[in-house]
Amino acid sequence: MKIFEVLLVSILLASCGPFVEVQDMAQLTIADKKSAMSLPIYNENQLRPDAYVILNIVEGISCKNMTWDPPATKIDAINQTKFWAYELGASAVLNLQCDAPRGTTTTYNCWESITCTAQAIKIIDK
């Protein structure tokens, strides 16, 4: 019986967090936070096609996981997007788009969430 209780509590605690990767920006070093947040945002009209290389698509999610957590914000979703681009070694993000806020989702395990996506790019020096 005791093993069942321990197993049940472990499962419940493991399912408390969001089901998506969310970086706690407060846990970053000041240098990493400054570098990630300073990545510029461009649209395709601002750069020549031969001026950059696309590294990957990145997605940032602002998630209000617990009822007492702060609300999901577009700024946080943009910062999350920039952080994941920075992790890939990008020098900028391209074509940033953010979805409208979502209510409770079982997919993300968030009371509310906002998702932004962009292309992580490396600017080519010429």
Protein backbone atom coordinates (compact mmCIF):
# COMPACT_ATOMS: atom_id res chain seq x y z
CA MET A 1 0.00 0.00 0.00
CA LYS A 2 2.81 2.42 0.89
CA ILE A 3 4.49 1.82 -2.47
CA PHE A 4 1.23 2.67 -4.24
CA GLU A 5 0.95 5.97 -2.30
CA VAL A 6 4.53 6.95 -3.10
CA LEU A 7 4.01 6.10 -6.77
CA LEU A 8 0.77 8.08 -6.92
CA VAL A 9 2.33 11.17 -5.31
CA SER A 10 5.32 10.92 -7.69
CA ILE A 11 3.05 10.79 -10.73
CA LEU A 12 0.97 13.73 -9.51
CA LEU A 13 4.03 15.86 -8.79
CA ALA A 14 5.61 15.02 -12.13
CA SER A 15 2.52 16.21 -13.97
CA CYS A 16 2.43 19.61 -12.23
CA GLY A 17 4.69 21.43 -14.67
CA PRO A 18 3.94 22.58 -18.19
CA PHE A 19 4.16 19.98 -20.95
CA VAL A 20 6.22 22.38 -23.08
CA GLU A 21 9.76 23.60 -22.66
CA VAL A 22 9.74 26.96 -20.90
CA GLN A 23 13.00 28.60 -19.84
CA ASP A 24 12.92 30.34 -16.47
CA MET A 25 14.58 33.58 -17.54
CA ALA A 26 15.39 34.48 -13.92
CA GLN A 27 17.72 31.46 -13.78
CA LEU A 28 19.93 32.72 -16.63
CA THR A 29 23.19 34.49 -16.00
CA ILE A 30 23.07 38.23 -16.64
CA ALA A 31 25.36 37.81 -19.67
CA ASP A 32 23.20 35.07 -21.24
CA LYS A 33 20.00 36.98 -20.57
CA LYS A 34 21.45 40.17 -22.10
CA SER A 35 22.75 38.31 -25.15
CA ALA A 36 19.46 36.51 -25.77
CA MET A 37 17.26 39.56 -25.25
CA SER A 38 19.42 41.72 -27.51
CA LEU A 39 18.86 39.52 -30.58
CA PRO A 40 17.28 41.75 -33.23
CA ILE A 41 13.99 40.86 -34.91
CA TYR A 42 13.81 41.23 -38.69
CA ASN A 43 11.23 40.58 -41.38
CA GLU A 44 12.18 39.39 -44.87
CA ASN A 45 11.92 42.90 -46.36
CA GLN A 46 14.74 44.12 -44.12
CA LEU A 47 17.38 41.58 -45.21
CA ARG A 48 18.72 40.42 -48.55
CA PRO A 49 18.17 36.66 -49.07
CA ASP A 50 21.92 36.09 -49.30
CA ALA A 51 22.60 38.02 -46.07
CA TYR A 52 21.61 35.21 -43.69
CA VAL A 53 21.37 31.47 -43.15
CA ILE A 54 18.35 29.90 -41.47
CA LEU A 55 19.44 27.69 -38.57
CA ASN A 56 16.04 26.38 -37.54
CA ILE A 57 12.49 27.30 -36.56
CA VAL A 58 12.14 28.27 -32.90
CA GLU A 59 9.05 28.49 -30.74
CA GLY A 60 8.66 30.40 -27.51
CA ILE A 61 5.76 29.78 -25.17
CA SER A 62 4.61 31.92 -22.29
CA CYS A 63 2.68 29.61 -19.98
CA LYS A 64 0.66 30.31 -16.87
CA ASN A 65 1.00 26.82 -15.40
CA MET A 66 -0.34 27.29 -11.88
CA THR A 67 -3.29 29.46 -10.94
CA TRP A 68 -0.98 31.68 -8.86
CA ASP A 69 1.59 32.13 -11.66
CA PRO A 70 1.71 35.47 -13.48
CA PRO A 71 -0.38 35.70 -16.66
CA ALA A 72 1.07 34.61 -19.99
CA THR A 73 2.33 37.60 -21.97
CA LYS A 74 3.40 38.28 -25.53
CA ILE A 75 6.65 39.83 -24.24
CA ASP A 76 7.53 36.64 -22.39
CA ALA A 77 6.71 34.51 -25.46
CA ILE A 78 8.98 36.75 -27.59
CA ASN A 79 11.75 36.51 -24.99
CA GLN A 80 11.37 32.72 -24.93
CA THR A 81 11.64 32.67 -28.74
CA LYS A 82 14.78 34.81 -28.62
CA PHE A 83 16.27 32.56 -25.93
CA TRP A 84 15.82 29.39 -28.01
CA ALA A 85 17.32 31.17 -31.04
CA TYR A 86 20.27 32.27 -28.89
CA GLU A 87 20.72 28.65 -27.75
CA LEU A 88 21.11 27.65 -31.42
CA GLY A 89 23.81 30.28 -31.92
CA ALA A 90 21.60 32.66 -33.91
CA SER A 91 22.47 36.30 -34.35
CA ALA A 92 18.85 37.34 -35.00
CA VAL A 93 15.29 36.10 -35.44
CA LEU A 94 13.31 36.44 -38.65
CA ASN A 95 9.57 36.59 -39.34
CA LEU A 96 8.42 36.54 -35.72
CA GLN A 97 4.72 35.73 -35.40
CA CYS A 98 2.70 35.37 -32.21
CA ASP A 99 -0.63 33.61 -31.79
CA ALA A 100 -3.56 35.06 -29.93
CA PRO A 101 -3.67 34.11 -26.24
CA ARG A 102 -5.13 30.67 -25.56
CA GLY A 103 -7.19 29.63 -22.58
CA THR A 104 -6.70 26.39 -20.70
CA THR A 105 -4.98 23.74 -22.80
CA THR A 106 -4.38 20.13 -21.90
CA THR A 107 -1.73 19.97 -24.62
CA TYR A 108 0.51 22.50 -22.84
CA ASN A 109 -0.87 22.04 -19.29
CA CYS A 110 -1.29 25.81 -19.00
CA TRP A 111 -4.18 27.88 -17.68
CA GLU A 112 -3.32 30.33 -20.44
CA SER A 113 -0.55 30.52 -23.01
CA ILE A 114 0.82 32.57 -25.86
CA THR A 115 3.04 31.04 -28.53
CA CYS A 116 5.48 32.86 -30.82
CA THR A 117 7.44 31.29 -33.67
CA ALA A 118 10.31 32.61 -35.78
CA GLN A 119 13.28 31.54 -37.82
CA ALA A 120 16.58 31.54 -35.96
CA ILE A 121 19.10 33.01 -38.39
CA LYS A 122 22.82 33.67 -38.59
CA ILE A 123 23.72 36.94 -40.32
CA ILE A 124 26.49 36.41 -42.88
CA ASP A 125 29.31 38.93 -42.74
CA LYS A 126 30.33 40.11 -46.20
